[in-house]
Every structure is written in structure tokens, then in C-alpha cells.
Amino acid sequence: KQRELVATVFTGGATTYADSVKGRF
């Protein structure tokens, strides 16, 4: 499978998540 982005935390502390892991990671 292709590499996928799971989660990111930015320099200011904001975070983003892949839909597949939201609420779990």
C-alpha cells in the first residue's frame, strides 16, 4: 500500500488526523 499521513502536529500545537484514525489516535 501507499504511504499515508496519519497525524500532524504543527509548531503552534495544532493537530490534524487522517479520517481513519480520528477519535482513536
mmCIF file of all heavy atoms, coordinates in Angstrom:
data_MODEL
# 
_entry.id   MODEL 
# 
loop_
_atom_site.group_PDB 
_atom_site.id 
_atom_site.type_symbol 
_atom_site.label_atom_id 
_atom_site.label_alt_id 
_atom_site.label_comp_id 
_atom_site.label_asym_id 
_atom_site.label_entity_id 
_atom_site.label_seq_id 
_atom_site.pdbx_PDB_ins_code 
_atom_site.Cartn_x 
_atom_site.Cartn_y 
_atom_site.Cartn_z 
_atom_site.occupancy 
_atom_site.B_iso_or_equiv 
_atom_site.pdbx_formal_charge 
_atom_site.auth_seq_id 
_atom_site.auth_comp_id 
_atom_site.auth_asym_id 
_atom_site.auth_atom_id 
_atom_site.pdbx_PDB_model_num 
ATOM 1   N N   . LYS A 1 1  ? 0.820   -1.194 0.000  1.00 0.00 ? 1  LYS A N   1 
ATOM 2   C CA  . LYS A 1 1  ? 0.000   0.000  0.000  1.00 0.00 ? 1  LYS A CA  1 
ATOM 3   C C   . LYS A 1 1  ? 0.863   1.256  0.000  1.00 0.00 ? 1  LYS A C   1 
ATOM 4   O O   . LYS A 1 1  ? 2.042   1.225  0.346  1.00 0.00 ? 1  LYS A O   1 
ATOM 5   C CB  . LYS A 1 1  ? -0.936  0.012  1.208  1.00 0.00 ? 1  LYS A CB  1 
ATOM 6   C CG  . LYS A 1 1  ? -1.990  -1.082 1.192  1.00 0.00 ? 1  LYS A CG  1 
ATOM 7   C CD  . LYS A 1 1  ? -2.971  -0.920 2.333  1.00 0.00 ? 1  LYS A CD  1 
ATOM 8   C CE  . LYS A 1 1  ? -4.069  -1.959 2.274  1.00 0.00 ? 1  LYS A CE  1 
ATOM 9   N NZ  . LYS A 1 1  ? -5.042  -1.791 3.380  1.00 0.00 ? 1  LYS A NZ  1 
ATOM 10  N N   . GLN A 1 2  ? 0.247   2.341  -0.388 1.00 0.00 ? 2  GLN A N   1 
ATOM 11  C CA  . GLN A 1 2  ? 0.928   3.623  -0.429 1.00 0.00 ? 2  GLN A CA  1 
ATOM 12  C C   . GLN A 1 2  ? 1.101   4.179  0.979  1.00 0.00 ? 2  GLN A C   1 
ATOM 13  O O   . GLN A 1 2  ? 0.256   3.977  1.852  1.00 0.00 ? 2  GLN A O   1 
ATOM 14  C CB  . GLN A 1 2  ? 0.128   4.592  -1.295 1.00 0.00 ? 2  GLN A CB  1 
ATOM 15  C CG  . GLN A 1 2  ? 0.848   5.868  -1.659 1.00 0.00 ? 2  GLN A CG  1 
ATOM 16  C CD  . GLN A 1 2  ? 0.059   6.705  -2.645 1.00 0.00 ? 2  GLN A CD  1 
ATOM 17  O OE1 . GLN A 1 2  ? -1.123  6.458  -2.889 1.00 0.00 ? 2  GLN A OE1 1 
ATOM 18  N NE2 . GLN A 1 2  ? 0.699   7.708  -3.220 1.00 0.00 ? 2  GLN A NE2 1 
ATOM 19  N N   . ARG A 1 3  ? 2.194   4.870  1.182  1.00 0.00 ? 3  ARG A N   1 
ATOM 20  C CA  . ARG A 1 3  ? 2.405   5.545  2.452  1.00 0.00 ? 3  ARG A CA  1 
ATOM 21  C C   . ARG A 1 3  ? 1.327   6.596  2.667  1.00 0.00 ? 3  ARG A C   1 
ATOM 22  O O   . ARG A 1 3  ? 0.973   7.340  1.747  1.00 0.00 ? 3  ARG A O   1 
ATOM 23  C CB  . ARG A 1 3  ? 3.789   6.199  2.464  1.00 0.00 ? 3  ARG A CB  1 
ATOM 24  C CG  . ARG A 1 3  ? 4.147   6.909  3.759  1.00 0.00 ? 3  ARG A CG  1 
ATOM 25  C CD  . ARG A 1 3  ? 5.503   7.578  3.636  1.00 0.00 ? 3  ARG A CD  1 
ATOM 26  N NE  . ARG A 1 3  ? 5.497   8.596  2.600  1.00 0.00 ? 3  ARG A NE  1 
ATOM 27  C CZ  . ARG A 1 3  ? 6.579   9.198  2.124  1.00 0.00 ? 3  ARG A CZ  1 
ATOM 28  N NH1 . ARG A 1 3  ? 7.774   8.869  2.588  1.00 0.00 ? 3  ARG A NH1 1 
ATOM 29  N NH2 . ARG A 1 3  ? 6.469   10.122 1.182  1.00 0.00 ? 3  ARG A NH2 1 
ATOM 30  N N   . GLU A 1 4  ? 0.805   6.672  3.871  1.00 0.00 ? 4  GLU A N   1 
ATOM 31  C CA  . GLU A 1 4  ? -0.244  7.624  4.163  1.00 0.00 ? 4  GLU A CA  1 
ATOM 32  C C   . GLU A 1 4  ? 0.084   8.443  5.400  1.00 0.00 ? 4  GLU A C   1 
ATOM 33  O O   . GLU A 1 4  ? 0.725   7.966  6.338  1.00 0.00 ? 4  GLU A O   1 
ATOM 34  C CB  . GLU A 1 4  ? -1.597  6.927  4.348  1.00 0.00 ? 4  GLU A CB  1 
ATOM 35  C CG  . GLU A 1 4  ? -1.685  6.024  5.562  1.00 0.00 ? 4  GLU A CG  1 
ATOM 36  C CD  . GLU A 1 4  ? -3.092  5.500  5.806  1.00 0.00 ? 4  GLU A CD  1 
ATOM 37  O OE1 . GLU A 1 4  ? -4.067  6.140  5.360  1.00 0.00 ? 4  GLU A OE1 1 
ATOM 38  O OE2 . GLU A 1 4  ? -3.214  4.437  6.448  1.00 0.00 ? 4  GLU A OE2 1 
ATOM 39  N N   . LEU A 1 5  ? -0.371  9.660  5.378  1.00 0.00 ? 5  LEU A N   1 
ATOM 40  C CA  . LEU A 1 5  ? -0.216  10.550 6.522  1.00 0.00 ? 5  LEU A CA  1 
ATOM 41  C C   . LEU A 1 5  ? -1.245  10.188 7.581  1.00 0.00 ? 5  LEU A C   1 
ATOM 42  O O   . LEU A 1 5  ? -2.446  10.130 7.302  1.00 0.00 ? 5  LEU A O   1 
ATOM 43  C CB  . LEU A 1 5  ? -0.387  11.996 6.081  1.00 0.00 ? 5  LEU A CB  1 
ATOM 44  C CG  . LEU A 1 5  ? -0.353  13.070 7.165  1.00 0.00 ? 5  LEU A CG  1 
ATOM 45  C CD1 . LEU A 1 5  ? 0.995   13.092 7.867  1.00 0.00 ? 5  LEU A CD1 1 
ATOM 46  C CD2 . LEU A 1 5  ? -0.675  14.431 6.564  1.00 0.00 ? 5  LEU A CD2 1 
ATOM 47  N N   . VAL A 1 6  ? -0.780  9.983  8.789  1.00 0.00 ? 6  VAL A N   1 
ATOM 48  C CA  . VAL A 1 6  ? -1.651  9.601  9.892  1.00 0.00 ? 6  VAL A CA  1 
ATOM 49  C C   . VAL A 1 6  ? -2.035  10.801 10.738 1.00 0.00 ? 6  VAL A C   1 
ATOM 50  O O   . VAL A 1 6  ? -3.210  11.014 11.043 1.00 0.00 ? 6  VAL A O   1 
ATOM 51  C CB  . VAL A 1 6  ? -0.981  8.534  10.772 1.00 0.00 ? 6  VAL A CB  1 
ATOM 52  C CG1 . VAL A 1 6  ? -1.847  8.201  11.982 1.00 0.00 ? 6  VAL A CG1 1 
ATOM 53  C CG2 . VAL A 1 6  ? -0.702  7.279  9.954  1.00 0.00 ? 6  VAL A CG2 1 
ATOM 54  N N   . ALA A 1 7  ? -1.049  11.585 11.131 1.00 0.00 ? 7  ALA A N   1 
ATOM 55  C CA  . ALA A 1 7  ? -1.304  12.707 12.025 1.00 0.00 ? 7  ALA A CA  1 
ATOM 56  C C   . ALA A 1 7  ? -0.173  13.703 11.930 1.00 0.00 ? 7  ALA A C   1 
ATOM 57  O O   . ALA A 1 7  ? 0.973   13.350 11.630 1.00 0.00 ? 7  ALA A O   1 
ATOM 58  C CB  . ALA A 1 7  ? -1.461  12.233 13.470 1.00 0.00 ? 7  ALA A CB  1 
ATOM 59  N N   . THR A 1 8  ? -0.483  14.955 12.197 1.00 0.00 ? 8  THR A N   1 
ATOM 60  C CA  . THR A 1 8  ? 0.492   16.034 12.183 1.00 0.00 ? 8  THR A CA  1 
ATOM 61  C C   . THR A 1 8  ? 0.272   16.932 13.383 1.00 0.00 ? 8  THR A C   1 
ATOM 62  O O   . THR A 1 8  ? -0.872  17.207 13.754 1.00 0.00 ? 8  THR A O   1 
ATOM 63  C CB  . THR A 1 8  ? 0.375   16.874 10.897 1.00 0.00 ? 8  THR A CB  1 
ATOM 64  O OG1 . THR A 1 8  ? 0.636   16.051 9.758  1.00 0.00 ? 8  THR A OG1 1 
ATOM 65  C CG2 . THR A 1 8  ? 1.363   18.036 10.911 1.00 0.00 ? 8  THR A CG2 1 
ATOM 66  N N   . VAL A 1 9  ? 1.353   17.366 13.987 1.00 0.00 ? 9  VAL A N   1 
ATOM 67  C CA  . VAL A 1 9  ? 1.288   18.413 14.987 1.00 0.00 ? 9  VAL A CA  1 
ATOM 68  C C   . VAL A 1 9  ? 2.178   19.551 14.514 1.00 0.00 ? 9  VAL A C   1 
ATOM 69  O O   . VAL A 1 9  ? 3.359   19.351 14.222 1.00 0.00 ? 9  VAL A O   1 
ATOM 70  C CB  . VAL A 1 9  ? 1.675   17.916 16.396 1.00 0.00 ? 9  VAL A CB  1 
ATOM 71  C CG1 . VAL A 1 9  ? 3.065   17.298 16.437 1.00 0.00 ? 9  VAL A CG1 1 
ATOM 72  C CG2 . VAL A 1 9  ? 1.546   19.043 17.410 1.00 0.00 ? 9  VAL A CG2 1 
ATOM 73  N N   . PHE A 1 10 ? 1.604   20.735 14.428 1.00 0.00 ? 10 PHE A N   1 
ATOM 74  C CA  . PHE A 1 10 ? 2.311   21.887 13.916 1.00 0.00 ? 10 PHE A CA  1 
ATOM 75  C C   . PHE A 1 10 ? 3.101   22.576 15.019 1.00 0.00 ? 10 PHE A C   1 
ATOM 76  O O   . PHE A 1 10 ? 3.014   22.205 16.190 1.00 0.00 ? 10 PHE A O   1 
ATOM 77  C CB  . PHE A 1 10 ? 1.318   22.832 13.242 1.00 0.00 ? 10 PHE A CB  1 
ATOM 78  C CG  . PHE A 1 10 ? 0.647   22.228 12.043 1.00 0.00 ? 10 PHE A CG  1 
ATOM 79  C CD1 . PHE A 1 10 ? -0.543  21.532 12.165 1.00 0.00 ? 10 PHE A CD1 1 
ATOM 80  C CD2 . PHE A 1 10 ? 1.221   22.332 10.785 1.00 0.00 ? 10 PHE A CD2 1 
ATOM 81  C CE1 . PHE A 1 10 ? -1.152  20.954 11.065 1.00 0.00 ? 10 PHE A CE1 1 
ATOM 82  C CE2 . PHE A 1 10 ? 0.620   21.760 9.679  1.00 0.00 ? 10 PHE A CE2 1 
ATOM 83  C CZ  . PHE A 1 10 ? -0.562  21.075 9.815  1.00 0.00 ? 10 PHE A CZ  1 
ATOM 84  N N   . THR A 1 11 ? 3.867   23.574 14.625 1.00 0.00 ? 11 THR A N   1 
ATOM 85  C CA  . THR A 1 11 ? 4.753   24.212 15.594 1.00 0.00 ? 11 THR A CA  1 
ATOM 86  C C   . THR A 1 11 ? 3.992   24.896 16.717 1.00 0.00 ? 11 THR A C   1 
ATOM 87  O O   . THR A 1 11 ? 4.488   24.980 17.836 1.00 0.00 ? 11 THR A O   1 
ATOM 88  C CB  . THR A 1 11 ? 5.672   25.218 14.896 1.00 0.00 ? 11 THR A CB  1 
ATOM 89  O OG1 . THR A 1 11 ? 4.892   26.172 14.171 1.00 0.00 ? 11 THR A OG1 1 
ATOM 90  C CG2 . THR A 1 11 ? 6.615   24.503 13.933 1.00 0.00 ? 11 THR A CG2 1 
ATOM 91  N N   . GLY A 1 12 ? 2.799   25.377 16.427 1.00 0.00 ? 12 GLY A N   1 
ATOM 92  C CA  . GLY A 1 12 ? 1.985   26.022 17.437 1.00 0.00 ? 12 GLY A CA  1 
ATOM 93  C C   . GLY A 1 12 ? 1.128   25.081 18.250 1.00 0.00 ? 12 GLY A C   1 
ATOM 94  O O   . GLY A 1 12 ? 0.400   25.530 19.143 1.00 0.00 ? 12 GLY A O   1 
ATOM 95  N N   . GLY A 1 13 ? 1.184   23.792 17.944 1.00 0.00 ? 13 GLY A N   1 
ATOM 96  C CA  . GLY A 1 13 ? 0.450   22.808 18.710 1.00 0.00 ? 13 GLY A CA  1 
ATOM 97  C C   . GLY A 1 13 ? -0.827  22.300 18.072 1.00 0.00 ? 13 GLY A C   1 
ATOM 98  O O   . GLY A 1 13 ? -1.421  21.333 18.570 1.00 0.00 ? 13 GLY A O   1 
ATOM 99  N N   . ALA A 1 14 ? -1.268  22.917 16.992 1.00 0.00 ? 14 ALA A N   1 
ATOM 100 C CA  . ALA A 1 14 ? -2.452  22.430 16.302 1.00 0.00 ? 14 ALA A CA  1 
ATOM 101 C C   . ALA A 1 14 ? -2.189  21.053 15.716 1.00 0.00 ? 14 ALA A C   1 
ATOM 102 O O   . ALA A 1 14 ? -1.058  20.721 15.344 1.00 0.00 ? 14 ALA A O   1 
ATOM 103 C CB  . ALA A 1 14 ? -2.861  23.399 15.215 1.00 0.00 ? 14 ALA A CB  1 
ATOM 104 N N   . THR A 1 15 ? -3.232  20.249 15.619 1.00 0.00 ? 15 THR A N   1 
ATOM 105 C CA  . THR A 1 15 ? -3.096  18.878 15.135 1.00 0.00 ? 15 THR A CA  1 
ATOM 106 C C   . THR A 1 15 ? -4.106  18.578 14.049 1.00 0.00 ? 15 THR A C   1 
ATOM 107 O O   . THR A 1 15 ? -5.189  19.173 13.991 1.00 0.00 ? 15 THR A O   1 
ATOM 108 C CB  . THR A 1 15 ? -3.284  17.863 16.273 1.00 0.00 ? 15 THR A CB  1 
ATOM 109 O OG1 . THR A 1 15 ? -4.580  18.041 16.868 1.00 0.00 ? 15 THR A OG1 1 
ATOM 110 C CG2 . THR A 1 15 ? -2.214  18.050 17.339 1.00 0.00 ? 15 THR A CG2 1 
ATOM 111 N N   . THR A 1 16 ? -3.746  17.658 13.182 1.00 0.00 ? 16 THR A N   1 
ATOM 112 C CA  . THR A 1 16 ? -4.650  17.121 12.182 1.00 0.00 ? 16 THR A CA  1 
ATOM 113 C C   . THR A 1 16 ? -4.497  15.611 12.148 1.00 0.00 ? 16 THR A C   1 
ATOM 114 O O   . THR A 1 16 ? -3.445  15.073 12.498 1.00 0.00 ? 16 THR A O   1 
ATOM 115 C CB  . THR A 1 16 ? -4.391  17.697 10.780 1.00 0.00 ? 16 THR A CB  1 
ATOM 116 O OG1 . THR A 1 16 ? -3.052  17.384 10.376 1.00 0.00 ? 16 THR A OG1 1 
ATOM 117 C CG2 . THR A 1 16 ? -4.583  19.208 10.771 1.00 0.00 ? 16 THR A CG2 1 
ATOM 118 N N   . TYR A 1 17 ? -5.558  14.931 11.699 1.00 0.00 ? 17 TYR A N   1 
ATOM 119 C CA  . TYR A 1 17 ? -5.573  13.479 11.668 1.00 0.00 ? 17 TYR A CA  1 
ATOM 120 C C   . TYR A 1 17 ? -6.217  12.975 10.393 1.00 0.00 ? 17 TYR A C   1 
ATOM 121 O O   . TYR A 1 17 ? -7.121  13.602 9.842  1.00 0.00 ? 17 TYR A O   1 
ATOM 122 C CB  . TYR A 1 17 ? -6.351  12.913 12.852 1.00 0.00 ? 17 TYR A CB  1 
ATOM 123 C CG  . TYR A 1 17 ? -5.776  13.264 14.192 1.00 0.00 ? 17 TYR A CG  1 
ATOM 124 C CD1 . TYR A 1 17 ? -6.190  14.398 14.875 1.00 0.00 ? 17 TYR A CD1 1 
ATOM 125 C CD2 . TYR A 1 17 ? -4.808  12.458 14.782 1.00 0.00 ? 17 TYR A CD2 1 
ATOM 126 C CE1 . TYR A 1 17 ? -5.656  14.731 16.107 1.00 0.00 ? 17 TYR A CE1 1 
ATOM 127 C CE2 . TYR A 1 17 ? -4.272  12.780 16.012 1.00 0.00 ? 17 TYR A CE2 1 
ATOM 128 C CZ  . TYR A 1 17 ? -4.699  13.920 16.669 1.00 0.00 ? 17 TYR A CZ  1 
ATOM 129 O OH  . TYR A 1 17 ? -4.159  14.230 17.891 1.00 0.00 ? 17 TYR A OH  1 
ATOM 130 N N   . ALA A 1 18 ? -5.766  11.819 9.959  1.00 0.00 ? 18 ALA A N   1 
ATOM 131 C CA  . ALA A 1 18 ? -6.473  11.121 8.911  1.00 0.00 ? 18 ALA A CA  1 
ATOM 132 C C   . ALA A 1 18 ? -7.839  10.678 9.424  1.00 0.00 ? 18 ALA A C   1 
ATOM 133 O O   . ALA A 1 18 ? -7.995  10.357 10.601 1.00 0.00 ? 18 ALA A O   1 
ATOM 134 C CB  . ALA A 1 18 ? -5.671  9.905  8.449  1.00 0.00 ? 18 ALA A CB  1 
ATOM 135 N N   . ASP A 1 19 ? -8.818  10.671 8.542  1.00 0.00 ? 19 ASP A N   1 
ATOM 136 C CA  . ASP A 1 19 ? -10.162 10.286 8.957  1.00 0.00 ? 19 ASP A CA  1 
ATOM 137 C C   . ASP A 1 19 ? -10.196 8.898  9.592  1.00 0.00 ? 19 ASP A C   1 
ATOM 138 O O   . ASP A 1 19 ? -10.983 8.642  10.509 1.00 0.00 ? 19 ASP A O   1 
ATOM 139 C CB  . ASP A 1 19 ? -11.114 10.330 7.767  1.00 0.00 ? 19 ASP A CB  1 
ATOM 140 C CG  . ASP A 1 19 ? -11.444 11.741 7.328  1.00 0.00 ? 19 ASP A CG  1 
ATOM 141 O OD1 . ASP A 1 19 ? -11.240 12.681 8.119  1.00 0.00 ? 19 ASP A OD1 1 
ATOM 142 O OD2 . ASP A 1 19 ? -11.915 11.900 6.189  1.00 0.00 ? 19 ASP A OD2 1 
ATOM 143 N N   . SER A 1 20 ? -9.344  8.019  9.123  1.00 0.00 ? 20 SER A N   1 
ATOM 144 C CA  . SER A 1 20 ? -9.352  6.647  9.592  1.00 0.00 ? 20 SER A CA  1 
ATOM 145 C C   . SER A 1 20 ? -8.915  6.492  11.042 1.00 0.00 ? 20 SER A C   1 
ATOM 146 O O   . SER A 1 20 ? -9.176  5.457  11.657 1.00 0.00 ? 20 SER A O   1 
ATOM 147 C CB  . SER A 1 20 ? -8.461  5.781  8.699  1.00 0.00 ? 20 SER A CB  1 
ATOM 148 O OG  . SER A 1 20 ? -7.131  6.263  8.693  1.00 0.00 ? 20 SER A OG  1 
ATOM 149 N N   . VAL A 1 21 ? -8.257  7.507  11.593 1.00 0.00 ? 21 VAL A N   1 
ATOM 150 C CA  . VAL A 1 21 ? -7.754  7.396  12.963 1.00 0.00 ? 21 VAL A CA  1 
ATOM 151 C C   . VAL A 1 21 ? -8.355  8.425  13.903 1.00 0.00 ? 21 VAL A C   1 
ATOM 152 O O   . VAL A 1 21 ? -8.059  8.397  15.110 1.00 0.00 ? 21 VAL A O   1 
ATOM 153 C CB  . VAL A 1 21 ? -6.216  7.489  13.013 1.00 0.00 ? 21 VAL A CB  1 
ATOM 154 C CG1 . VAL A 1 21 ? -5.585  6.478  12.073 1.00 0.00 ? 21 VAL A CG1 1 
ATOM 155 C CG2 . VAL A 1 21 ? -5.734  8.906  12.692 1.00 0.00 ? 21 VAL A CG2 1 
ATOM 156 N N   . LYS A 1 22 ? -9.181  9.307  13.408 1.00 0.00 ? 22 LYS A N   1 
ATOM 157 C CA  . LYS A 1 22 ? -9.794  10.325 14.261 1.00 0.00 ? 22 LYS A CA  1 
ATOM 158 C C   . LYS A 1 22 ? -10.569 9.687  15.398 1.00 0.00 ? 22 LYS A C   1 
ATOM 159 O O   . LYS A 1 22 ? -11.323 8.740  15.204 1.00 0.00 ? 22 LYS A O   1 
ATOM 160 C CB  . LYS A 1 22 ? -10.715 11.221 13.440 1.00 0.00 ? 22 LYS A CB  1 
ATOM 161 C CG  . LYS A 1 22 ? -9.998  12.226 12.568 1.00 0.00 ? 22 LYS A CG  1 
ATOM 162 C CD  . LYS A 1 22 ? -10.979 13.105 11.807 1.00 0.00 ? 22 LYS A CD  1 
ATOM 163 C CE  . LYS A 1 22 ? -10.256 14.122 10.942 1.00 0.00 ? 22 LYS A CE  1 
ATOM 164 N NZ  . LYS A 1 22 ? -11.203 14.931 10.140 1.00 0.00 ? 22 LYS A NZ  1 
ATOM 165 N N   . GLY A 1 23 ? -10.366 10.215 16.575 1.00 0.00 ? 23 GLY A N   1 
ATOM 166 C CA  . GLY A 1 23 ? -11.033 9.696  17.750 1.00 0.00 ? 23 GLY A CA  1 
ATOM 167 C C   . GLY A 1 23 ? -10.323 8.540  18.406 1.00 0.00 ? 23 GLY A C   1 
ATOM 168 O O   . GLY A 1 23 ? -10.686 8.148  19.517 1.00 0.00 ? 23 GLY A O   1 
ATOM 169 N N   . ARG A 1 24 ? -9.329  7.987  17.738 1.00 0.00 ? 24 ARG A N   1 
ATOM 170 C CA  . ARG A 1 24 ? -8.589  6.852  18.281 1.00 0.00 ? 24 ARG A CA  1 
ATOM 171 C C   . ARG A 1 24 ? -7.123  7.172  18.555 1.00 0.00 ? 24 ARG A C   1 
ATOM 172 O O   . ARG A 1 24 ? -6.551  6.639  19.501 1.00 0.00 ? 24 ARG A O   1 
ATOM 173 C CB  . ARG A 1 24 ? -8.663  5.657  17.327 1.00 0.00 ? 24 ARG A CB  1 
ATOM 174 C CG  . ARG A 1 24 ? -10.079 5.169  17.071 1.00 0.00 ? 24 ARG A CG  1 
ATOM 175 C CD  . ARG A 1 24 ? -10.084 3.859  16.287 1.00 0.00 ? 24 ARG A CD  1 
ATOM 176 N NE  . ARG A 1 24 ? -9.464  3.999  14.979 1.00 0.00 ? 24 ARG A NE  1 
ATOM 177 C CZ  . ARG A 1 24 ? -8.383  3.319  14.581 1.00 0.00 ? 24 ARG A CZ  1 
ATOM 178 N NH1 . ARG A 1 24 ? -7.810  2.441  15.404 1.00 0.00 ? 24 ARG A NH1 1 
ATOM 179 N NH2 . ARG A 1 24 ? -7.898  3.498  13.364 1.00 0.00 ? 24 ARG A NH2 1 
ATOM 180 N N   . PHE A 1 25 ? -6.528  8.011  17.720 1.00 0.00 ? 25 PHE A N   1 
ATOM 181 C CA  . PHE A 1 25 ? -5.114  8.349  17.844 1.00 0.00 ? 25 PHE A CA  1 
ATOM 182 C C   . PHE A 1 25 ? -4.965  9.787  18.313 1.00 0.00 ? 25 PHE A C   1 
ATOM 183 O O   . PHE A 1 25 ? -5.784  10.657 17.977 1.00 0.00 ? 25 PHE A O   1 
ATOM 184 C CB  . PHE A 1 25 ? -4.396  8.210  16.500 1.00 0.00 ? 25 PHE A CB  1 
ATOM 185 C CG  . PHE A 1 25 ? -4.234  6.804  15.999 1.00 0.00 ? 25 PHE A CG  1 
ATOM 186 C CD1 . PHE A 1 25 ? -4.888  5.733  16.586 1.00 0.00 ? 25 PHE A CD1 1 
ATOM 187 C CD2 . PHE A 1 25 ? -3.403  6.559  14.911 1.00 0.00 ? 25 PHE A CD2 1 
ATOM 188 C CE1 . PHE A 1 25 ? -4.736  4.444  16.108 1.00 0.00 ? 25 PHE A CE1 1 
ATOM 189 C CE2 . PHE A 1 25 ? -3.238  5.270  14.422 1.00 0.00 ? 25 PHE A CE2 1 
ATOM 190 C CZ  . PHE A 1 25 ? -3.906  4.214  15.019 1.00 0.00 ? 25 PHE A CZ  1 
# 
